[in-house]
């Protein structure tokens, strides 16, 4: 049983995992089991080139960020379990949280964060009732979102990134994932607003 399982290894999913992982020394987070299904094949980052993102060297490619992001997570927060080569087929509720079925395994988690892309090709069973046309994309592109309020679809089921209704900008998707992570940390911290910063001593 995971305490939180993130579905999707793009900008939002990796950002969410990094922030959650960085709270490992907090008493309310150190015993939590965190996982991410790092499926990236359909990520829009695969073909992205970044010249206008603060902190990134102009010319940085999205493909390199995807690879380096997984490595950063491994190097800094190895306790976050990365599940590779699995694609989520369905998400369903159970008494303790959610069942997540992939093409290879079955997982359980108390909290799920859906952070896959916003194309209408999404085919995860169990999410159909939440799918609506994307509020911030051109209608002809047929983009979708999972209807939510402040990233919450329903109790303990979150959505992050473009699928949460945000525009397709790297910084926005990353920030959305980080926001969800801090909301989950706040939940674990008995509702006390929580963020995680590193500082130069």
N, C-alpha and C. Protein backbone atom coordinates (compact mmCIF):
# COMPACT_ATOMS: atom_id res chain seq x y z
N UNK A 1 0.84 -1.20 0.00
CA UNK A 1 0.00 0.00 0.00
C UNK A 1 0.88 1.25 0.00
N UNK A 2 0.73 2.05 -1.04
CA UNK A 2 1.41 3.34 -1.08
C UNK A 2 0.60 4.36 -0.29
N UNK A 3 1.28 5.33 0.29
CA UNK A 3 0.58 6.48 0.87
C UNK A 3 0.18 7.44 -0.22
N UNK A 4 1.03 7.56 -1.25
CA UNK A 4 0.67 8.35 -2.43
C UNK A 4 1.35 7.72 -3.64
N UNK A 5 0.59 7.60 -4.73
CA UNK A 5 1.12 7.09 -5.99
C UNK A 5 0.81 8.11 -7.06
N UNK A 6 1.86 8.57 -7.75
CA UNK A 6 1.74 9.56 -8.82
C UNK A 6 1.71 8.81 -10.15
N UNK A 7 0.78 9.16 -10.99
CA UNK A 7 0.65 8.52 -12.31
C UNK A 7 1.13 9.51 -13.36
N UNK A 8 2.30 9.26 -13.94
CA UNK A 8 2.83 10.13 -14.99
C UNK A 8 4.16 10.74 -14.61
N UNK A 9 5.14 10.63 -15.51
CA UNK A 9 6.49 11.10 -15.23
C UNK A 9 6.90 12.30 -16.05
N UNK A 10 5.96 13.20 -16.33
CA UNK A 10 6.28 14.44 -17.03
C UNK A 10 6.61 15.55 -16.04
N UNK A 11 6.44 16.80 -16.47
CA UNK A 11 6.81 17.94 -15.64
C UNK A 11 6.05 17.96 -14.32
N UNK A 12 4.74 17.78 -14.37
CA UNK A 12 3.92 17.85 -13.15
C UNK A 12 4.20 16.66 -12.23
N UNK A 13 4.26 15.46 -12.79
CA UNK A 13 4.47 14.27 -11.98
C UNK A 13 5.82 14.25 -11.30
N UNK A 14 6.88 14.56 -12.04
CA UNK A 14 8.23 14.57 -11.47
C UNK A 14 8.38 15.68 -10.43
N UNK A 15 7.80 16.85 -10.70
CA UNK A 15 7.87 17.95 -9.73
C UNK A 15 7.18 17.56 -8.43
N UNK A 16 6.03 16.93 -8.55
CA UNK A 16 5.28 16.47 -7.38
C UNK A 16 6.12 15.47 -6.58
N UNK A 17 6.75 14.53 -7.27
CA UNK A 17 7.56 13.51 -6.61
C UNK A 17 8.77 14.12 -5.92
N UNK A 18 9.41 15.10 -6.55
CA UNK A 18 10.60 15.73 -5.96
C UNK A 18 10.25 16.48 -4.67
N UNK A 19 9.13 17.20 -4.69
CA UNK A 19 8.75 17.95 -3.49
C UNK A 19 8.35 16.99 -2.37
N UNK A 20 7.57 15.97 -2.69
CA UNK A 20 7.20 14.98 -1.67
C UNK A 20 8.45 14.28 -1.12
N UNK A 21 9.35 13.91 -2.02
CA UNK A 21 10.57 13.24 -1.60
C UNK A 21 11.44 14.10 -0.71
N UNK A 22 11.43 15.41 -0.95
CA UNK A 22 12.29 16.31 -0.21
C UNK A 22 11.85 16.49 1.24
N UNK A 23 10.65 16.02 1.57
CA UNK A 23 10.13 16.14 2.94
C UNK A 23 10.49 14.94 3.81
N UNK A 24 11.44 14.14 3.35
CA UNK A 24 11.75 12.86 4.01
C UNK A 24 12.17 13.00 5.46
N UNK A 25 12.71 14.14 5.86
CA UNK A 25 13.14 14.31 7.25
C UNK A 25 12.08 14.91 8.16
N UNK A 26 10.94 15.24 7.59
CA UNK A 26 9.83 15.76 8.40
C UNK A 26 9.16 14.59 9.12
N UNK A 27 8.84 14.77 10.38
CA UNK A 27 8.28 13.67 11.17
C UNK A 27 6.99 13.12 10.55
N UNK A 28 6.19 13.99 9.96
CA UNK A 28 4.90 13.56 9.40
C UNK A 28 5.04 12.87 8.05
N UNK A 29 6.23 12.93 7.43
CA UNK A 29 6.42 12.37 6.09
C UNK A 29 7.42 11.23 6.03
N UNK A 30 8.25 11.08 7.06
CA UNK A 30 9.37 10.14 6.91
C UNK A 30 8.96 8.68 6.80
N UNK A 31 7.79 8.33 7.29
CA UNK A 31 7.36 6.93 7.20
C UNK A 31 6.44 6.67 6.01
N UNK A 32 6.22 7.68 5.19
CA UNK A 32 5.28 7.54 4.08
C UNK A 32 5.92 6.82 2.89
N UNK A 33 5.14 5.97 2.27
CA UNK A 33 5.59 5.26 1.07
C UNK A 33 5.08 6.02 -0.16
N UNK A 34 6.03 6.52 -0.95
CA UNK A 34 5.72 7.36 -2.11
C UNK A 34 6.17 6.63 -3.38
N UNK A 35 5.33 6.61 -4.38
CA UNK A 35 5.69 5.99 -5.65
C UNK A 35 5.28 6.86 -6.83
N UNK A 36 5.95 6.65 -7.94
CA UNK A 36 5.58 7.34 -9.19
C UNK A 36 5.71 6.37 -10.35
N UNK A 37 4.65 6.27 -11.12
CA UNK A 37 4.69 5.48 -12.36
C UNK A 37 5.18 6.43 -13.44
N UNK A 38 6.45 6.24 -13.84
CA UNK A 38 7.13 7.25 -14.67
C UNK A 38 6.96 7.01 -16.17
N UNK A 39 5.73 6.73 -16.56
CA UNK A 39 5.45 6.57 -17.99
C UNK A 39 5.60 7.93 -18.68
N UNK A 40 6.45 8.00 -19.71
CA UNK A 40 6.78 9.29 -20.33
C UNK A 40 6.60 9.33 -21.84
N UNK A 41 6.23 8.21 -22.44
CA UNK A 41 6.23 8.15 -23.90
C UNK A 41 5.33 9.19 -24.54
N UNK A 42 4.20 9.51 -23.90
CA UNK A 42 3.26 10.46 -24.51
C UNK A 42 3.44 11.89 -24.00
N UNK A 43 4.48 12.12 -23.19
CA UNK A 43 4.70 13.46 -22.64
C UNK A 43 5.03 14.46 -23.75
N UNK A 44 4.42 15.65 -23.66
CA UNK A 44 4.73 16.70 -24.63
C UNK A 44 6.17 17.18 -24.49
N UNK A 45 6.82 16.86 -23.38
CA UNK A 45 8.22 17.25 -23.21
C UNK A 45 9.14 16.54 -24.20
N UNK A 46 8.70 15.42 -24.74
CA UNK A 46 9.57 14.64 -25.65
C UNK A 46 10.05 15.48 -26.83
N UNK A 47 9.23 16.44 -27.25
CA UNK A 47 9.60 17.25 -28.43
C UNK A 47 9.80 18.73 -28.09
N UNK A 48 9.88 19.04 -26.80
CA UNK A 48 9.97 20.44 -26.37
C UNK A 48 11.39 20.97 -26.40
N UNK A 49 11.50 22.27 -26.68
CA UNK A 49 12.78 22.99 -26.61
C UNK A 49 12.53 24.24 -25.77
N UNK A 50 13.41 24.47 -24.78
CA UNK A 50 13.17 25.56 -23.83
C UNK A 50 14.19 26.68 -23.96
N UNK A 51 13.69 27.85 -24.28
CA UNK A 51 14.50 29.07 -24.29
C UNK A 51 13.96 30.12 -23.34
N UNK A 52 12.72 29.94 -22.87
CA UNK A 52 12.06 31.01 -22.10
C UNK A 52 11.68 30.58 -20.68
N UNK A 53 12.43 29.62 -20.12
CA UNK A 53 12.13 29.14 -18.77
C UNK A 53 13.22 29.60 -17.80
N UNK A 54 12.82 30.31 -16.76
CA UNK A 54 13.75 30.81 -15.77
C UNK A 54 14.54 29.64 -15.15
N UNK A 55 15.87 29.78 -15.15
CA UNK A 55 16.71 28.77 -14.51
C UNK A 55 17.19 27.67 -15.43
N UNK A 56 16.59 27.54 -16.62
CA UNK A 56 17.05 26.53 -17.57
C UNK A 56 17.94 27.18 -18.62
N UNK A 57 19.04 26.53 -18.94
CA UNK A 57 19.92 27.03 -19.99
C UNK A 57 19.18 27.02 -21.32
N UNK A 58 19.14 28.15 -22.05
CA UNK A 58 18.47 28.16 -23.35
C UNK A 58 18.99 27.02 -24.23
N UNK A 59 18.06 26.37 -24.93
CA UNK A 59 18.43 25.23 -25.75
C UNK A 59 18.21 23.90 -25.05
N UNK A 60 17.85 23.93 -23.76
CA UNK A 60 17.56 22.69 -23.04
C UNK A 60 16.37 21.99 -23.69
N UNK A 61 16.48 20.69 -23.87
CA UNK A 61 15.37 19.94 -24.47
C UNK A 61 14.51 19.29 -23.40
N UNK A 62 13.24 19.12 -23.75
CA UNK A 62 12.33 18.44 -22.84
C UNK A 62 12.74 17.00 -22.60
N UNK A 63 13.26 16.34 -23.64
CA UNK A 63 13.69 14.94 -23.50
C UNK A 63 14.79 14.82 -22.44
N UNK A 64 15.70 15.79 -22.41
CA UNK A 64 16.79 15.74 -21.42
C UNK A 64 16.24 15.99 -20.01
N UNK A 65 15.22 16.84 -19.89
CA UNK A 65 14.61 17.09 -18.59
C UNK A 65 13.93 15.82 -18.07
N UNK A 66 13.25 15.11 -18.95
CA UNK A 66 12.60 13.86 -18.54
C UNK A 66 13.62 12.87 -17.97
N UNK A 67 14.73 12.72 -18.68
CA UNK A 67 15.77 11.76 -18.23
C UNK A 67 16.45 12.27 -16.98
N UNK A 68 16.86 13.53 -16.98
CA UNK A 68 17.56 14.10 -15.82
C UNK A 68 16.66 14.17 -14.59
N UNK A 69 15.37 14.39 -14.80
CA UNK A 69 14.43 14.45 -13.69
C UNK A 69 14.34 13.13 -12.95
N UNK A 70 14.29 12.05 -13.70
CA UNK A 70 14.26 10.72 -13.07
C UNK A 70 15.56 10.47 -12.30
N UNK A 71 16.68 10.89 -12.89
CA UNK A 71 17.98 10.71 -12.24
C UNK A 71 18.09 11.56 -10.98
N UNK A 72 17.60 12.79 -11.05
CA UNK A 72 17.59 13.69 -9.88
C UNK A 72 16.80 13.06 -8.74
N UNK A 73 15.66 12.48 -9.07
CA UNK A 73 14.82 11.82 -8.06
C UNK A 73 15.55 10.63 -7.45
N UNK A 74 16.23 9.86 -8.29
CA UNK A 74 16.99 8.71 -7.82
C UNK A 74 18.14 9.14 -6.91
N UNK A 75 18.87 10.16 -7.33
CA UNK A 75 20.06 10.59 -6.58
C UNK A 75 19.71 11.22 -5.24
N UNK A 76 18.69 12.08 -5.23
CA UNK A 76 18.37 12.84 -4.03
C UNK A 76 17.39 12.11 -3.10
N UNK A 77 16.42 11.46 -3.69
CA UNK A 77 15.34 10.87 -2.89
C UNK A 77 15.06 9.43 -3.33
N UNK A 78 16.03 8.54 -3.11
CA UNK A 78 15.89 7.16 -3.58
C UNK A 78 14.74 6.40 -2.91
N UNK A 79 14.22 6.93 -1.80
CA UNK A 79 13.09 6.27 -1.13
C UNK A 79 11.79 6.41 -1.94
N UNK A 80 11.76 7.35 -2.88
CA UNK A 80 10.59 7.46 -3.77
C UNK A 80 10.72 6.36 -4.82
N UNK A 81 9.77 5.46 -4.83
CA UNK A 81 9.84 4.30 -5.72
C UNK A 81 9.42 4.68 -7.14
N UNK A 82 10.33 4.47 -8.08
CA UNK A 82 10.03 4.74 -9.49
C UNK A 82 9.62 3.43 -10.17
N UNK A 83 8.44 3.44 -10.74
CA UNK A 83 7.90 2.26 -11.42
C UNK A 83 7.96 2.54 -12.91
N UNK A 84 8.85 1.82 -13.59
CA UNK A 84 9.07 2.06 -15.01
C UNK A 84 8.36 1.01 -15.85
N UNK A 85 8.17 1.33 -17.12
CA UNK A 85 7.63 0.39 -18.10
C UNK A 85 6.25 -0.17 -17.72
N UNK A 86 5.46 0.65 -17.04
CA UNK A 86 4.08 0.26 -16.75
C UNK A 86 3.16 1.39 -17.19
N UNK A 87 2.02 1.03 -17.75
CA UNK A 87 1.03 2.01 -18.18
C UNK A 87 -0.26 1.73 -17.42
N UNK A 88 -0.83 2.79 -16.83
CA UNK A 88 -2.04 2.62 -16.02
C UNK A 88 -3.25 2.37 -16.91
N UNK A 89 -3.99 1.32 -16.58
CA UNK A 89 -5.19 0.97 -17.32
C UNK A 89 -6.46 1.42 -16.61
N UNK A 90 -6.45 1.35 -15.27
CA UNK A 90 -7.65 1.73 -14.53
C UNK A 90 -7.31 2.19 -13.12
N UNK A 91 -8.18 3.05 -12.59
CA UNK A 91 -8.11 3.52 -11.21
C UNK A 91 -9.51 3.35 -10.62
N UNK A 92 -9.60 2.64 -9.52
CA UNK A 92 -10.90 2.42 -8.89
C UNK A 92 -10.78 2.54 -7.38
N UNK A 93 -11.89 2.89 -6.73
CA UNK A 93 -11.88 3.09 -5.29
C UNK A 93 -11.97 1.75 -4.55
N UNK A 94 -11.34 1.71 -3.38
CA UNK A 94 -11.55 0.60 -2.45
C UNK A 94 -11.74 1.19 -1.06
N UNK A 95 -11.88 0.35 -0.06
CA UNK A 95 -12.18 0.84 1.30
C UNK A 95 -11.08 1.71 1.87
N UNK A 96 -9.83 1.47 1.45
CA UNK A 96 -8.69 2.19 2.02
C UNK A 96 -8.11 3.26 1.10
N UNK A 97 -8.62 3.36 -0.10
CA UNK A 97 -8.06 4.31 -1.05
C UNK A 97 -8.41 3.93 -2.47
N UNK A 98 -7.38 3.52 -3.23
CA UNK A 98 -7.59 3.24 -4.65
C UNK A 98 -6.81 2.01 -5.11
N UNK A 99 -7.40 1.31 -6.07
CA UNK A 99 -6.70 0.25 -6.80
C UNK A 99 -6.21 0.86 -8.10
N UNK A 100 -4.94 0.63 -8.43
CA UNK A 100 -4.37 1.12 -9.68
C UNK A 100 -3.88 -0.09 -10.46
N UNK A 101 -4.52 -0.37 -11.56
CA UNK A 101 -4.14 -1.53 -12.37
C UNK A 101 -3.35 -1.05 -13.59
N UNK A 102 -2.19 -1.67 -13.82
CA UNK A 102 -1.38 -1.34 -14.99
C UNK A 102 -1.37 -2.53 -15.95
N UNK A 103 -0.62 -2.39 -17.03
CA UNK A 103 -0.50 -3.50 -17.98
C UNK A 103 0.32 -4.65 -17.42
N UNK A 104 0.95 -4.44 -16.26
CA UNK A 104 1.80 -5.48 -15.69
C UNK A 104 1.49 -5.83 -14.23
N UNK A 105 0.91 -4.88 -13.47
CA UNK A 105 0.76 -5.08 -12.03
C UNK A 105 -0.52 -4.46 -11.51
N UNK A 106 -0.78 -4.74 -10.22
CA UNK A 106 -1.86 -4.08 -9.49
C UNK A 106 -1.25 -3.43 -8.26
N UNK A 107 -1.55 -2.15 -8.06
CA UNK A 107 -1.03 -1.39 -6.92
C UNK A 107 -2.20 -0.86 -6.11
N UNK A 108 -1.92 -0.51 -4.85
CA UNK A 108 -2.91 0.14 -4.01
C UNK A 108 -2.29 1.39 -3.41
N UNK A 109 -3.09 2.43 -3.26
CA UNK A 109 -2.57 3.67 -2.68
C UNK A 109 -3.69 4.41 -1.96
N UNK A 110 -3.32 5.08 -0.85
CA UNK A 110 -4.30 5.88 -0.12
C UNK A 110 -4.64 7.15 -0.88
N UNK A 111 -3.64 7.71 -1.57
CA UNK A 111 -3.82 8.93 -2.37
C UNK A 111 -3.27 8.67 -3.78
N UNK A 112 -3.96 9.18 -4.78
CA UNK A 112 -3.48 9.08 -6.17
C UNK A 112 -3.42 10.47 -6.77
N UNK A 113 -2.32 10.75 -7.49
CA UNK A 113 -2.17 11.99 -8.25
C UNK A 113 -2.08 11.62 -9.73
N UNK A 114 -3.03 12.08 -10.53
CA UNK A 114 -3.03 11.81 -11.96
C UNK A 114 -2.33 12.98 -12.65
N UNK A 115 -1.20 12.69 -13.30
CA UNK A 115 -0.39 13.76 -13.91
C UNK A 115 0.05 13.37 -15.31
N UNK A 116 -0.89 12.84 -16.08
CA UNK A 116 -0.60 12.51 -17.48
C UNK A 116 -1.03 13.68 -18.36
N UNK A 117 -0.77 13.59 -19.65
CA UNK A 117 -1.06 14.69 -20.56
C UNK A 117 -2.54 14.94 -20.77
N UNK A 118 -2.85 16.05 -21.46
CA UNK A 118 -4.25 16.48 -21.58
C UNK A 118 -4.85 16.19 -22.94
N UNK A 119 -4.35 15.17 -23.63
CA UNK A 119 -4.94 14.82 -24.92
C UNK A 119 -6.19 13.98 -24.70
N UNK A 120 -7.04 13.97 -25.71
CA UNK A 120 -8.28 13.21 -25.60
C UNK A 120 -8.04 11.71 -25.82
N UNK A 121 -6.77 11.32 -25.87
CA UNK A 121 -6.44 9.90 -26.03
C UNK A 121 -6.36 9.19 -24.67
N UNK A 122 -6.56 9.91 -23.59
CA UNK A 122 -6.49 9.30 -22.26
C UNK A 122 -7.49 8.15 -22.19
N UNK A 123 -7.03 7.01 -21.73
CA UNK A 123 -7.90 5.83 -21.68
C UNK A 123 -7.76 5.08 -20.37
N UNK A 124 -7.67 5.83 -19.27
CA UNK A 124 -7.61 5.20 -17.95
C UNK A 124 -9.05 5.01 -17.46
N UNK A 125 -9.47 3.77 -17.33
CA UNK A 125 -10.83 3.49 -16.88
C UNK A 125 -11.00 3.98 -15.45
N UNK A 126 -12.18 4.50 -15.17
CA UNK A 126 -12.47 5.02 -13.84
C UNK A 126 -12.43 6.53 -13.78
N UNK A 127 -11.88 7.16 -14.82
CA UNK A 127 -11.80 8.63 -14.84
C UNK A 127 -12.80 9.27 -15.80
N UNK A 128 -13.55 8.43 -16.52
CA UNK A 128 -14.41 8.94 -17.59
C UNK A 128 -15.39 10.02 -17.12
N UNK A 129 -15.95 9.85 -15.93
CA UNK A 129 -17.00 10.79 -15.48
C UNK A 129 -16.46 12.19 -15.21
N UNK A 130 -15.13 12.32 -15.08
CA UNK A 130 -14.54 13.62 -14.76
C UNK A 130 -14.03 14.37 -16.00
N UNK A 131 -14.04 13.70 -17.16
CA UNK A 131 -13.45 14.29 -18.37
C UNK A 131 -14.38 15.34 -18.99
N UNK A 132 -13.81 16.53 -19.23
CA UNK A 132 -14.55 17.62 -19.89
C UNK A 132 -13.59 18.32 -20.85
N UNK A 133 -14.11 19.13 -21.79
CA UNK A 133 -13.22 19.91 -22.66
C UNK A 133 -12.34 20.84 -21.83
N UNK A 134 -11.09 20.96 -22.24
CA UNK A 134 -10.12 21.78 -21.50
C UNK A 134 -10.51 23.26 -21.54
N UNK A 135 -10.54 23.93 -20.36
CA UNK A 135 -11.00 25.33 -20.33
C UNK A 135 -9.99 26.34 -20.85
N UNK A 136 -8.72 25.94 -21.03
CA UNK A 136 -7.69 26.90 -21.44
C UNK A 136 -6.93 26.42 -22.69
N UNK A 137 -7.61 25.73 -23.56
CA UNK A 137 -6.97 25.28 -24.81
C UNK A 137 -7.93 25.53 -25.96
N UNK A 138 -7.38 25.70 -27.16
CA UNK A 138 -8.20 25.93 -28.35
C UNK A 138 -9.11 24.72 -28.59
N UNK A 139 -10.39 24.99 -28.84
CA UNK A 139 -11.37 23.92 -28.97
C UNK A 139 -11.00 22.91 -30.06
N UNK A 140 -10.40 23.42 -31.15
CA UNK A 140 -10.08 22.52 -32.27
C UNK A 140 -9.00 21.49 -31.92
N UNK A 141 -8.25 21.76 -30.86
CA UNK A 141 -7.21 20.80 -30.44
C UNK A 141 -7.77 19.64 -29.63
N UNK A 142 -9.02 19.76 -29.23
CA UNK A 142 -9.72 18.69 -28.51
C UNK A 142 -8.98 18.24 -27.25
N UNK A 143 -8.42 19.20 -26.52
CA UNK A 143 -7.76 18.89 -25.25
C UNK A 143 -8.82 18.69 -24.16
N UNK A 144 -8.44 17.95 -23.13
CA UNK A 144 -9.38 17.66 -22.05
C UNK A 144 -8.79 18.04 -20.70
N UNK A 145 -9.65 18.09 -19.69
CA UNK A 145 -9.18 18.19 -18.31
C UNK A 145 -10.03 17.26 -17.46
N UNK A 146 -9.54 16.97 -16.27
CA UNK A 146 -10.34 16.24 -15.29
C UNK A 146 -10.91 17.29 -14.34
N UNK A 147 -12.22 17.43 -14.35
CA UNK A 147 -12.86 18.48 -13.56
C UNK A 147 -12.43 18.38 -12.10
N UNK A 148 -11.97 19.51 -11.55
CA UNK A 148 -11.43 19.52 -10.20
C UNK A 148 -11.61 20.88 -9.57
N UNK A 149 -11.44 20.92 -8.26
CA UNK A 149 -11.38 22.18 -7.51
C UNK A 149 -10.06 22.21 -6.76
N UNK A 150 -9.20 23.17 -7.10
CA UNK A 150 -7.87 23.27 -6.48
C UNK A 150 -7.11 21.94 -6.56
N UNK A 151 -7.14 21.32 -7.74
CA UNK A 151 -6.44 20.07 -8.04
C UNK A 151 -7.12 18.83 -7.45
N UNK A 152 -8.19 18.97 -6.70
CA UNK A 152 -8.86 17.82 -6.10
C UNK A 152 -10.05 17.41 -6.95
N UNK A 153 -9.99 16.17 -7.46
CA UNK A 153 -11.11 15.61 -8.23
C UNK A 153 -12.18 15.14 -7.25
N UNK A 154 -11.75 14.35 -6.28
CA UNK A 154 -12.57 13.93 -5.16
C UNK A 154 -11.60 13.60 -4.03
N UNK A 155 -12.09 13.27 -2.87
CA UNK A 155 -11.23 13.07 -1.72
C UNK A 155 -10.10 12.09 -2.04
N UNK A 156 -8.86 12.55 -1.83
CA UNK A 156 -7.63 11.76 -2.01
C UNK A 156 -7.33 11.40 -3.46
N UNK A 157 -8.04 12.00 -4.40
CA UNK A 157 -7.75 11.82 -5.83
C UNK A 157 -7.46 13.20 -6.42
N UNK A 158 -6.19 13.40 -6.81
CA UNK A 158 -5.72 14.69 -7.29
C UNK A 158 -5.38 14.60 -8.78
N UNK A 159 -5.37 15.77 -9.42
CA UNK A 159 -4.89 15.87 -10.80
C UNK A 159 -3.91 17.04 -10.85
N UNK A 160 -2.85 16.91 -11.65
CA UNK A 160 -1.83 17.96 -11.73
C UNK A 160 -1.42 18.20 -13.18
N UNK A 161 -0.95 19.41 -13.45
CA UNK A 161 -0.44 19.75 -14.78
C UNK A 161 -1.54 20.18 -15.74
N UNK A 162 -1.30 19.96 -17.01
CA UNK A 162 -2.26 20.39 -18.04
C UNK A 162 -3.61 19.70 -17.88
N UNK A 163 -3.60 18.46 -17.39
CA UNK A 163 -4.85 17.72 -17.22
C UNK A 163 -5.70 18.31 -16.09
N UNK A 164 -5.09 19.17 -15.25
CA UNK A 164 -5.82 19.85 -14.19
C UNK A 164 -6.48 21.13 -14.70
N UNK A 165 -6.28 21.44 -15.98
CA UNK A 165 -6.91 22.63 -16.58
C UNK A 165 -5.95 23.77 -16.82
N UNK A 166 -4.65 23.55 -16.59
CA UNK A 166 -3.67 24.62 -16.77
C UNK A 166 -3.13 24.65 -18.19
N UNK A 167 -2.58 25.78 -18.58
CA UNK A 167 -2.03 25.92 -19.93
C UNK A 167 -0.74 25.11 -20.05
N UNK A 168 -0.42 24.79 -21.28
CA UNK A 168 0.74 23.95 -21.56
C UNK A 168 2.01 24.78 -21.61
N UNK A 169 2.45 25.24 -20.45
CA UNK A 169 3.75 25.89 -20.26
C UNK A 169 4.49 25.08 -19.21
N UNK A 170 5.77 24.84 -19.44
CA UNK A 170 6.55 23.99 -18.55
C UNK A 170 6.50 24.47 -17.10
N UNK A 171 6.70 25.78 -16.90
CA UNK A 171 6.73 26.32 -15.54
C UNK A 171 5.38 26.16 -14.85
N UNK A 172 4.29 26.28 -15.61
CA UNK A 172 2.95 26.15 -15.03
C UNK A 172 2.69 24.70 -14.64
N UNK A 173 3.02 23.76 -15.52
CA UNK A 173 2.81 22.34 -15.21
C UNK A 173 3.66 21.91 -14.01
N UNK A 174 4.91 22.35 -13.98
CA UNK A 174 5.79 22.01 -12.86
C UNK A 174 5.24 22.58 -11.56
N UNK A 175 4.80 23.83 -11.61
CA UNK A 175 4.25 24.47 -10.42
C UNK A 175 2.99 23.78 -9.93
N UNK A 176 2.18 23.31 -10.86
CA UNK A 176 0.97 22.58 -10.49
C UNK A 176 1.32 21.30 -9.72
N UNK A 177 2.32 20.58 -10.19
CA UNK A 177 2.76 19.37 -9.49
C UNK A 177 3.30 19.67 -8.11
N UNK A 178 4.06 20.77 -7.99
CA UNK A 178 4.60 21.18 -6.69
C UNK A 178 3.48 21.60 -5.75
N UNK A 179 2.46 22.28 -6.28
CA UNK A 179 1.32 22.70 -5.47
C UNK A 179 0.60 21.48 -4.88
N UNK A 180 0.36 20.47 -5.71
CA UNK A 180 -0.29 19.26 -5.23
C UNK A 180 0.55 18.59 -4.13
N UNK A 181 1.86 18.56 -4.34
CA UNK A 181 2.74 17.95 -3.33
C UNK A 181 2.62 18.68 -1.99
N UNK A 182 2.63 20.02 -2.01
CA UNK A 182 2.53 20.76 -0.76
C UNK A 182 1.15 20.61 -0.13
N UNK A 183 0.12 20.44 -0.95
CA UNK A 183 -1.22 20.17 -0.40
C UNK A 183 -1.26 18.82 0.31
N UNK A 184 -0.60 17.82 -0.27
CA UNK A 184 -0.55 16.50 0.36
C UNK A 184 0.28 16.55 1.64
N UNK A 185 1.40 17.27 1.62
CA UNK A 185 2.21 17.42 2.83
C UNK A 185 1.41 18.14 3.92
N UNK A 186 0.62 19.14 3.52
CA UNK A 186 -0.23 19.85 4.48
C UNK A 186 -1.25 18.89 5.09
N UNK A 187 -1.81 18.02 4.27
CA UNK A 187 -2.76 17.00 4.74
C UNK A 187 -2.09 16.09 5.77
N UNK A 188 -0.87 15.63 5.45
CA UNK A 188 -0.13 14.75 6.36
C UNK A 188 0.26 15.47 7.65
N UNK A 189 0.40 16.78 7.56
CA UNK A 189 0.83 17.60 8.70
C UNK A 189 -0.38 18.17 9.46
N UNK A 190 -1.45 17.40 9.48
CA UNK A 190 -2.65 17.76 10.23
C UNK A 190 -3.22 19.12 9.84
N UNK A 191 -3.11 19.45 8.55
CA UNK A 191 -3.71 20.69 8.06
C UNK A 191 -2.88 21.94 8.24
N UNK A 192 -1.67 21.80 8.80
CA UNK A 192 -0.81 22.97 8.96
C UNK A 192 -0.09 23.22 7.64
N UNK A 193 -0.23 24.42 7.09
CA UNK A 193 0.32 24.73 5.78
C UNK A 193 1.82 24.41 5.73
N UNK A 194 2.19 23.63 4.72
CA UNK A 194 3.54 23.05 4.67
C UNK A 194 4.19 23.29 3.33
N UNK A 195 5.47 23.66 3.37
CA UNK A 195 6.31 23.74 2.18
C UNK A 195 7.69 23.26 2.59
N UNK A 196 8.51 22.92 1.60
CA UNK A 196 9.84 22.38 1.90
C UNK A 196 10.87 23.20 1.14
N UNK A 197 11.76 23.87 1.87
CA UNK A 197 12.83 24.68 1.27
C UNK A 197 14.18 24.17 1.75
N UNK A 198 15.14 24.16 0.85
CA UNK A 198 16.55 23.96 1.25
C UNK A 198 17.18 25.34 1.32
N UNK A 199 18.09 25.50 2.28
CA UNK A 199 18.76 26.79 2.44
C UNK A 199 20.27 26.61 2.53
N UNK A 200 20.98 27.60 2.06
CA UNK A 200 22.44 27.62 2.21
C UNK A 200 22.75 27.98 3.65
N UNK A 201 23.50 27.11 4.32
CA UNK A 201 23.84 27.36 5.73
C UNK A 201 24.96 28.40 5.83
